């Protein structure tokens, strides 16, 4: 009886976790560069069970994984809307070191630096990307290899990096990732597309289906726990 209550409780916990992850995906479905999170579960085993049913001890939740599948491209024509075609990340200067993102919706601050919407400078191979004073943004050209020019003046080449194991990246925001010390950022051969935004890879319809499934799973586990609790109470009263 207690084993069943525990199994139902772990089922409720797994469903609540799936609901939380799915809700986060839906909340960021329209955020450029966002990568959806995936929840996976596995059955916990009881090595002391006498039957196949008794071997099952409940449901455990694995740490959410990130789906790095590319999102759809939305052409805007804006000179500082950039997308990466291939395996790679833009590099920006974070408060504690480099951060990596697929979101290329950049802007220019008061000092002429090209930044993310959060004000993080965009890195080039030799420093950060800065627009010279009085230079019209409309004349900004970004080549496929990431080289940035205004007119005949070259401003630098965007630093595009890739990772052998992107799952090891640590999320530090909706679209930003940090690399642990053991994860080496390698030079990417991906191409840069100007005037385009890479959108979120979240499918709202699929996530709504997942949300409903998580709610049903939670309700079923809750009903099972309630039924076993009542049965245990009756047994105690009889004794």
C-alpha atoms as a PDB file:
ATOM      1  CA  UNK A   1       0.000   0.000   0.000  1.00  0.00           C
ATOM      2  CA  UNK A   2       2.734   2.429   0.976  1.00  0.00           C
ATOM      3  CA  UNK A   3       4.665   1.472  -2.151  1.00  0.00           C
ATOM      4  CA  UNK A   4       1.638   2.396  -4.229  1.00  0.00           C
ATOM      5  CA  UNK A   5       1.258   5.737  -2.469  1.00  0.00           C
ATOM      6  CA  UNK A   6       4.906   6.495  -3.136  1.00  0.00           C
ATOM      7  CA  UNK A   7       4.566   5.560  -6.810  1.00  0.00           C
ATOM      8  CA  UNK A   8       1.525   7.826  -7.155  1.00  0.00           C
ATOM      9  CA  UNK A   9       3.376  10.678  -5.429  1.00  0.00           C
ATOM     10  CA  UNK A  10       6.356  10.382  -7.792  1.00  0.00           C
ATOM     11  CA  UNK A  11       3.928  10.340 -10.714  1.00  0.00           C
ATOM     12  CA  UNK A  12       2.428  13.622  -9.497  1.00  0.00           C
ATOM     13  CA  UNK A  13       5.905  15.111  -9.131  1.00  0.00           C
ATOM     14  CA  UNK A  14       6.864  14.043 -12.661  1.00  0.00           C
ATOM     15  CA  UNK A  15       3.664  15.513 -14.095  1.00  0.00           C
ATOM     16  CA  UNK A  16       4.193  18.798 -12.233  1.00  0.00           C
ATOM     17  CA  UNK A  17       7.732  18.993 -13.593  1.00  0.00           C
ATOM     18  CA  UNK A  18       6.536  18.374 -17.152  1.00  0.00           C
ATOM     19  CA  UNK A  19       3.849  21.038 -16.702  1.00  0.00           C
ATOM     20  CA  UNK A  20       6.461  23.572 -15.545  1.00  0.00           C
ATOM     21  CA  UNK A  21       8.816  22.892 -18.465  1.00  0.00           C
ATOM     22  CA  UNK A  22       5.993  23.007 -21.012  1.00  0.00           C
ATOM     23  CA  UNK A  23       4.679  26.265 -19.559  1.00  0.00           C
ATOM     24  CA  UNK A  24       8.140  27.806 -19.913  1.00  0.00           C
ATOM     25  CA  UNK A  25       8.314  26.685 -23.536  1.00  0.00           C
ATOM     26  CA  UNK A  26       4.937  28.223 -24.294  1.00  0.00           C
ATOM     27  CA  UNK A  27       5.876  31.479 -22.570  1.00  0.00           C
ATOM     28  CA  UNK A  28       8.902  31.833 -24.872  1.00  0.00           C
ATOM     29  CA  UNK A  29       7.328  30.542 -28.086  1.00  0.00           C
ATOM     30  CA  UNK A  30       7.693  33.945 -29.773  1.00  0.00           C
ATOM     31  CA  UNK A  31      11.180  34.796 -28.450  1.00  0.00           C
ATOM     32  CA  UNK A  32      13.820  34.778 -31.237  1.00  0.00           C
ATOM     33  CA  UNK A  33      16.563  32.224 -30.637  1.00  0.00           C
ATOM     34  CA  UNK A  34      14.803  30.418 -27.778  1.00  0.00           C
ATOM     35  CA  UNK A  35      15.401  26.680 -27.578  1.00  0.00           C
ATOM     36  CA  UNK A  36      12.708  24.487 -26.089  1.00  0.00           C
ATOM     37  CA  UNK A  37      13.336  22.273 -23.094  1.00  0.00           C
ATOM     38  CA  UNK A  38      12.583  18.550 -23.092  1.00  0.00           C
ATOM     39  CA  UNK A  39      11.481  16.517 -20.071  1.00  0.00           C
ATOM     40  CA  UNK A  40      12.235  12.806 -19.828  1.00  0.00           C
ATOM     41  CA  UNK A  41      11.177  10.264 -17.210  1.00  0.00           C
ATOM     42  CA  UNK A  42      12.240   6.776 -16.250  1.00  0.00           C
ATOM     43  CA  UNK A  43      10.869   4.093 -13.976  1.00  0.00           C
ATOM     44  CA  UNK A  44      12.605   3.704 -10.629  1.00  0.00           C
ATOM     45  CA  UNK A  45      13.439   0.090  -9.814  1.00  0.00           C
ATOM     46  CA  UNK A  46      12.994  -1.717  -6.498  1.00  0.00           C
ATOM     47  CA  UNK A  47      15.614  -4.510  -6.402  1.00  0.00           C
ATOM     48  CA  UNK A  48      13.753  -6.303  -3.595  1.00  0.00           C
ATOM     49  CA  UNK A  49      10.476  -6.823  -5.424  1.00  0.00           C
ATOM     50  CA  UNK A  50       9.198 -10.384  -5.879  1.00  0.00           C
ATOM     51  CA  UNK A  51       7.072  -9.677  -8.987  1.00  0.00           C
ATOM     52  CA  UNK A  52       7.586  -7.458 -12.068  1.00  0.00           C
ATOM     53  CA  UNK A  53       5.002  -5.053 -10.639  1.00  0.00           C
ATOM     54  CA  UNK A  54       6.815  -4.868  -7.301  1.00  0.00           C
ATOM     55  CA  UNK A  55      10.082  -4.060  -9.072  1.00  0.00           C
ATOM     56  CA  UNK A  56       8.595  -0.721 -10.141  1.00  0.00           C
ATOM     57  CA  UNK A  57       9.082   1.860  -7.399  1.00  0.00           C
ATOM     58  CA  UNK A  58       7.763   4.986  -9.083  1.00  0.00           C
ATOM     59  CA  UNK A  59       8.794   7.584 -11.632  1.00  0.00           C
ATOM     60  CA  UNK A  60      11.988   9.653 -11.589  1.00  0.00           C
ATOM     61  CA  UNK A  61      12.507  12.888 -13.499  1.00  0.00           C
ATOM     62  CA  UNK A  62      15.716  13.457 -15.423  1.00  0.00           C
ATOM     63  CA  UNK A  63      17.227  16.907 -15.685  1.00  0.00           C
ATOM     64  CA  UNK A  64      15.586  18.777 -18.607  1.00  0.00           C
ATOM     65  CA  UNK A  65      17.517  18.636 -21.879  1.00  0.00           C
ATOM     66  CA  UNK A  66      17.639  21.406 -24.469  1.00  0.00           C
ATOM     67  CA  UNK A  67      16.464  20.863 -28.035  1.00  0.00           C
ATOM     68  CA  UNK A  68      19.019  22.746 -30.151  1.00  0.00           C
ATOM     69  CA  UNK A  69      17.164  22.112 -33.402  1.00  0.00           C
ATOM     70  CA  UNK A  70      17.176  25.251 -35.548  1.00  0.00           C
ATOM     71  CA  UNK A  71      14.063  27.424 -35.499  1.00  0.00           C
ATOM     72  CA  UNK A  72      12.272  28.877 -38.532  1.00  0.00           C
ATOM     73  CA  UNK A  73      13.739  31.979 -40.191  1.00  0.00           C
ATOM     74  CA  UNK A  74      11.754  35.205 -40.339  1.00  0.00           C
ATOM     75  CA  UNK A  75      12.979  37.773 -42.861  1.00  0.00           C
ATOM     76  CA  UNK A  76      12.820  41.321 -41.488  1.00  0.00           C
ATOM     77  CA  UNK A  77      15.318  43.166 -43.670  1.00  0.00           C
ATOM     78  CA  UNK A  78      16.798  44.932 -40.606  1.00  0.00           C
ATOM     79  CA  UNK A  79      20.611  45.285 -40.944  1.00  0.00           C
ATOM     80  CA  UNK A  80      21.243  44.121 -37.359  1.00  0.00           C
ATOM     81  CA  UNK A  81      18.910  41.115 -37.488  1.00  0.00           C
ATOM     82  CA  UNK A  82      21.268  38.184 -38.009  1.00  0.00           C
ATOM     83  CA  UNK A  83      20.769  34.436 -38.092  1.00  0.00           C
ATOM     84  CA  UNK A  84      23.182  31.506 -38.124  1.00  0.00           C
ATOM     85  CA  UNK A  85      22.697  28.912 -40.837  1.00  0.00           C
ATOM     86  CA  UNK A  86      24.355  25.841 -39.376  1.00  0.00           C
ATOM     87  CA  UNK A  87      25.898  24.692 -36.118  1.00  0.00           C
ATOM     88  CA  UNK A  88      27.056  27.647 -34.068  1.00  0.00           C
ATOM     89  CA  UNK A  89      26.364  30.442 -31.597  1.00  0.00           C
ATOM     90  CA  UNK A  90      26.994  34.177 -31.523  1.00  0.00           C
ATOM     91  CA  UNK A  91      29.401  35.113 -28.734  1.00  0.00           C
ATOM     92  CA  UNK A  92      28.626  38.046 -26.429  1.00  0.00           C
ATOM     93  CA  UNK A  93      30.435  39.463 -23.423  1.00  0.00           C
ATOM     94  CA  UNK A  94      28.597  38.476 -20.262  1.00  0.00           C
ATOM     95  CA  UNK A  95      29.233  39.830 -16.742  1.00  0.00           C
ATOM     96  CA  UNK A  96      31.453  36.843 -15.878  1.00  0.00           C
ATOM     97  CA  UNK A  97      32.818  35.827 -19.271  1.00  0.00           C
ATOM     98  CA  UNK A  98      31.617  34.863 -22.736  1.00  0.00           C
ATOM     99  CA  UNK A  99      28.021  33.802 -23.285  1.00  0.00           C
ATOM    100  CA  UNK A 100      26.545  32.074 -26.315  1.00  0.00           C
ATOM    101  CA  UNK A 101      23.249  32.658 -28.100  1.00  0.00           C
ATOM    102  CA  UNK A 102      21.343  31.856 -31.270  1.00  0.00           C
ATOM    103  CA  UNK A 103      19.365  35.075 -30.976  1.00  0.00           C
ATOM    104  CA  UNK A 104      20.773  37.606 -33.443  1.00  0.00           C
ATOM    105  CA  UNK A 105      18.411  40.500 -32.775  1.00  0.00           C
ATOM    106  CA  UNK A 106      21.081  43.127 -32.111  1.00  0.00           C
ATOM    107  CA  UNK A 107      20.998  46.889 -31.613  1.00  0.00           C
ATOM    108  CA  UNK A 108      23.422  49.807 -31.185  1.00  0.00           C
ATOM    109  CA  UNK A 109      23.918  51.512 -27.798  1.00  0.00           C
ATOM    110  CA  UNK A 110      24.853  55.133 -27.115  1.00  0.00           C
ATOM    111  CA  UNK A 111      28.572  54.401 -27.513  1.00  0.00           C
ATOM    112  CA  UNK A 112      28.122  52.778 -30.906  1.00  0.00           C
ATOM    113  CA  UNK A 113      28.589  49.229 -29.604  1.00  0.00           C
ATOM    114  CA  UNK A 114      26.484  46.484 -31.143  1.00  0.00           C
ATOM    115  CA  UNK A 115      24.736  44.695 -28.276  1.00  0.00           C
ATOM    116  CA  UNK A 116      22.000  42.246 -27.411  1.00  0.00           C
ATOM    117  CA  UNK A 117      18.669  43.721 -26.214  1.00  0.00           C
ATOM    118  CA  UNK A 118      20.055  43.214 -22.682  1.00  0.00           C
ATOM    119  CA  UNK A 119      23.061  45.423 -23.444  1.00  0.00           C
ATOM    120  CA  UNK A 120      25.701  42.678 -23.773  1.00  0.00           C
ATOM    121  CA  UNK A 121      28.387  43.585 -26.362  1.00  0.00           C
ATOM    122  CA  UNK A 122      28.673  41.343 -29.408  1.00  0.00           C
ATOM    123  CA  UNK A 123      32.120  39.828 -29.843  1.00  0.00           C
ATOM    124  CA  UNK A 124      34.256  39.747 -32.967  1.00  0.00           C
ATOM    125  CA  UNK A 125      37.385  37.722 -33.562  1.00  0.00           C
ATOM    126  CA  UNK A 126      39.507  40.619 -32.280  1.00  0.00           C
ATOM    127  CA  UNK A 127      37.279  42.379 -29.752  1.00  0.00           C
ATOM    128  CA  UNK A 128      33.763  43.807 -29.809  1.00  0.00           C
ATOM    129  CA  UNK A 129      31.716  45.178 -32.685  1.00  0.00           C
ATOM    130  CA  UNK A 130      31.488  48.995 -32.733  1.00  0.00           C
ATOM    131  CA  UNK A 131      29.850  51.216 -35.332  1.00  0.00           C
ATOM    132  CA  UNK A 132      31.889  54.372 -36.185  1.00  0.00           C
ATOM    133  CA  UNK A 133      30.215  57.723 -35.355  1.00  0.00           C
ATOM    134  CA  UNK A 134      27.857  59.135 -37.986  1.00  0.00           C
ATOM    135  CA  UNK A 135      27.842  55.852 -39.921  1.00  0.00           C
ATOM    136  CA  UNK A 136      24.398  54.994 -41.320  1.00  0.00           C
ATOM    137  CA  UNK A 137      23.232  51.582 -40.089  1.00  0.00           C
ATOM    138  CA  UNK A 138      21.376  51.141 -43.370  1.00  0.00           C
ATOM    139  CA  UNK A 139      24.763  50.713 -45.080  1.00  0.00           C
ATOM    140  CA  UNK A 140      25.884  47.941 -42.720  1.00  0.00           C
ATOM    141  CA  UNK A 141      26.702  44.735 -44.588  1.00  0.00           C
ATOM    142  CA  UNK A 142      27.376  41.379 -42.938  1.00  0.00           C
ATOM    143  CA  UNK A 143      28.940  38.752 -45.188  1.00  0.00           C
ATOM    144  CA  UNK A 144      28.202  35.037 -44.910  1.00  0.00           C
ATOM    145  CA  UNK A 145      31.508  34.480 -43.087  1.00  0.00           C
ATOM    146  CA  UNK A 146      30.514  37.065 -40.447  1.00  0.00           C
ATOM    147  CA  UNK A 147      32.681  39.914 -41.754  1.00  0.00           C
ATOM    148  CA  UNK A 148      31.020  43.265 -40.998  1.00  0.00           C
ATOM    149  CA  UNK A 149      31.524  46.327 -43.215  1.00  0.00           C
ATOM    150  CA  UNK A 150      30.149  49.817 -43.617  1.00  0.00           C
ATOM    151  CA  UNK A 151      31.045  51.060 -47.056  1.00  0.00           C
ATOM    152  CA  UNK A 152      34.690  50.105 -47.629  1.00  0.00           C
ATOM    153  CA  UNK A 153      35.524  50.022 -43.910  1.00  0.00           C
ATOM    154  CA  UNK A 154      35.789  46.597 -42.290  1.00  0.00           C
ATOM    155  CA  UNK A 155      34.611  46.570 -38.661  1.00  0.00           C
ATOM    156  CA  UNK A 156      35.556  43.010 -37.767  1.00  0.00           C
ATOM    157  CA  UNK A 157      34.408  39.438 -38.117  1.00  0.00           C
ATOM    158  CA  UNK A 158      31.724  38.026 -35.848  1.00  0.00           C
ATOM    159  CA  UNK A 159      32.942  35.349 -33.450  1.00  0.00           C
ATOM    160  CA  UNK A 160      30.838  32.253 -34.176  1.00  0.00           C
ATOM    161  CA  UNK A 161      31.494  29.196 -32.014  1.00  0.00           C
ATOM    162  CA  UNK A 162      30.270  25.621 -31.842  1.00  0.00           C
ATOM    163  CA  UNK A 163      30.451  22.806 -29.262  1.00  0.00           C
ATOM    164  CA  UNK A 164      30.868  19.054 -29.588  1.00  0.00           C
ATOM    165  CA  UNK A 165      28.382  18.578 -26.733  1.00  0.00           C
ATOM    166  CA  UNK A 166      25.957  21.528 -26.587  1.00  0.00           C
ATOM    167  CA  UNK A 167      23.901  19.674 -23.960  1.00  0.00           C
ATOM    168  CA  UNK A 168      26.679  20.542 -21.501  1.00  0.00           C
ATOM    169  CA  UNK A 169      25.925  24.257 -21.919  1.00  0.00           C
ATOM    170  CA  UNK A 170      24.298  25.912 -18.906  1.00  0.00           C
ATOM    171  CA  UNK A 171      21.241  28.098 -19.464  1.00  0.00           C
ATOM    172  CA  UNK A 172      21.647  31.542 -17.909  1.00  0.00           C
ATOM    173  CA  UNK A 173      18.610  33.205 -19.465  1.00  0.00           C
ATOM    174  CA  UNK A 174      15.927  32.709 -22.056  1.00  0.00           C
ATOM    175  CA  UNK A 175      18.407  32.627 -24.960  1.00  0.00           C
ATOM    176  CA  UNK A 176      21.861  32.775 -23.326  1.00  0.00           C
ATOM    177  CA  UNK A 177      24.166  29.888 -22.417  1.00  0.00           C
ATOM    178  CA  UNK A 178      27.425  29.636 -20.510  1.00  0.00           C
ATOM    179  CA  UNK A 179      30.075  26.993 -21.181  1.00  0.00           C
ATOM    180  CA  UNK A 180      31.628  25.159 -18.210  1.00  0.00           C
ATOM    181  CA  UNK A 181      35.456  25.245 -18.102  1.00  0.00           C
ATOM    182  CA  UNK A 182      35.802  21.718 -19.518  1.00  0.00           C
ATOM    183  CA  UNK A 183      33.659  22.491 -22.582  1.00  0.00           C
ATOM    184  CA  UNK A 184      35.790  23.927 -25.382  1.00  0.00           C
ATOM    185  CA  UNK A 185      34.258  26.481 -27.757  1.00  0.00           C
ATOM    186  CA  UNK A 186      35.441  25.659 -31.272  1.00  0.00           C
ATOM    187  CA  UNK A 187      35.480  27.805 -34.388  1.00  0.00           C
ATOM    188  CA  UNK A 188      32.315  27.308 -36.424  1.00  0.00           C
ATOM    189  CA  UNK A 189      32.022  27.190 -40.188  1.00  0.00           C
ATOM    190  CA  UNK A 190      28.318  28.120 -40.079  1.00  0.00           C
ATOM    191  CA  UNK A 191      27.160  30.942 -42.335  1.00  0.00           C
ATOM    192  CA  UNK A 192      25.601  34.210 -41.205  1.00  0.00           C
ATOM    193  CA  UNK A 193      22.408  35.475 -42.839  1.00  0.00           C
ATOM    194  CA  UNK A 194      21.646  39.206 -42.600  1.00  0.00           C
ATOM    195  CA  UNK A 195      18.179  40.712 -42.348  1.00  0.00           C
ATOM    196  CA  UNK A 196      16.740  37.539 -40.840  1.00  0.00           C
ATOM    197  CA  UNK A 197      15.685  36.440 -37.358  1.00  0.00           C
ATOM    198  CA  UNK A 198      15.847  32.841 -36.245  1.00  0.00           C
ATOM    199  CA  UNK A 199      12.695  32.294 -34.240  1.00  0.00           C
ATOM    200  CA  UNK A 200      11.971  29.944 -31.357  1.00  0.00           C
ATOM    201  CA  UNK A 201      11.837  26.236 -32.214  1.00  0.00           C
ATOM    202  CA  UNK A 202       8.759  25.796 -30.006  1.00  0.00           C
ATOM    203  CA  UNK A 203       5.582  24.498 -31.646  1.00  0.00           C
ATOM    204  CA  UNK A 204       2.717  26.022 -29.616  1.00  0.00           C
ATOM    205  CA  UNK A 205       0.281  23.321 -30.746  1.00  0.00           C
ATOM    206  CA  UNK A 206       2.590  20.490 -29.655  1.00  0.00           C
ATOM    207  CA  UNK A 207       3.289  22.191 -26.332  1.00  0.00           C
ATOM    208  CA  UNK A 208      -0.428  22.656 -25.654  1.00  0.00           C
ATOM    209  CA  UNK A 209      -0.914  18.922 -26.230  1.00  0.00           C
ATOM    210  CA  UNK A 210       1.964  18.221 -23.812  1.00  0.00           C
ATOM    211  CA  UNK A 211       0.403  20.580 -21.273  1.00  0.00           C
ATOM    212  CA  UNK A 212      -2.930  18.765 -21.391  1.00  0.00           C
ATOM    213  CA  UNK A 213      -1.182  15.388 -21.121  1.00  0.00           C
ATOM    214  CA  UNK A 214       0.754  16.557 -18.036  1.00  0.00           C
ATOM    215  CA  UNK A 215      -2.447  17.794 -16.405  1.00  0.00           C
ATOM    216  CA  UNK A 216      -4.205  14.467 -17.074  1.00  0.00           C
ATOM    217  CA  UNK A 217      -1.197  12.541 -15.747  1.00  0.00           C
ATOM    218  CA  UNK A 218      -1.234  14.607 -12.562  1.00  0.00           C
ATOM    219  CA  UNK A 219      -4.986  14.111 -12.064  1.00  0.00           C
ATOM    220  CA  UNK A 220      -4.710  10.335 -12.577  1.00  0.00           C
ATOM    221  CA  UNK A 221      -1.823  10.023 -10.110  1.00  0.00           C
ATOM    222  CA  UNK A 222      -3.698  12.196  -7.613  1.00  0.00           C
ATOM    223  CA  UNK A 223      -6.821  10.020  -7.870  1.00  0.00           C
ATOM    224  CA  UNK A 224      -4.711   6.878  -7.400  1.00  0.00           C
ATOM    225  CA  UNK A 225      -3.091   8.352  -4.291  1.00  0.00           C
ATOM    226  CA  UNK A 226      -6.482   9.384  -2.886  1.00  0.00           C
ATOM    227  CA  UNK A 227      -7.946   5.909  -3.490  1.00  0.00           C
ATOM    228  CA  UNK A 228      -5.029   4.168  -1.789  1.00  0.00           C
ATOM    229  CA  UNK A 229      -5.184   6.601   1.115  1.00  0.00           C
ATOM    230  CA  UNK A 230      -8.881   5.820   1.634  1.00  0.00           C
ATOM    231  CA  UNK A 231      -8.223   2.091   1.398  1.00  0.00           C
ATOM    232  CA  UNK A 232      -5.474   2.347   3.989  1.00  0.00           C
ATOM    233  CA  UNK A 233      -7.749   4.382   6.270  1.00  0.00           C
ATOM    234  CA  UNK A 234     -10.493   1.723   6.053  1.00  0.00           C
ATOM    235  CA  UNK A 235      -7.976  -0.971   6.882  1.00  0.00           C
ATOM    236  CA  UNK A 236      -6.801   0.954   9.916  1.00  0.00           C
ATOM    237  CA  UNK A 237     -10.399   1.437  11.083  1.00  0.00           C
ATOM    238  CA  UNK A 238     -11.113  -2.283  10.717  1.00  0.00           C
ATOM    239  CA  UNK A 239      -8.095  -3.131  12.836  1.00  0.00           C
END
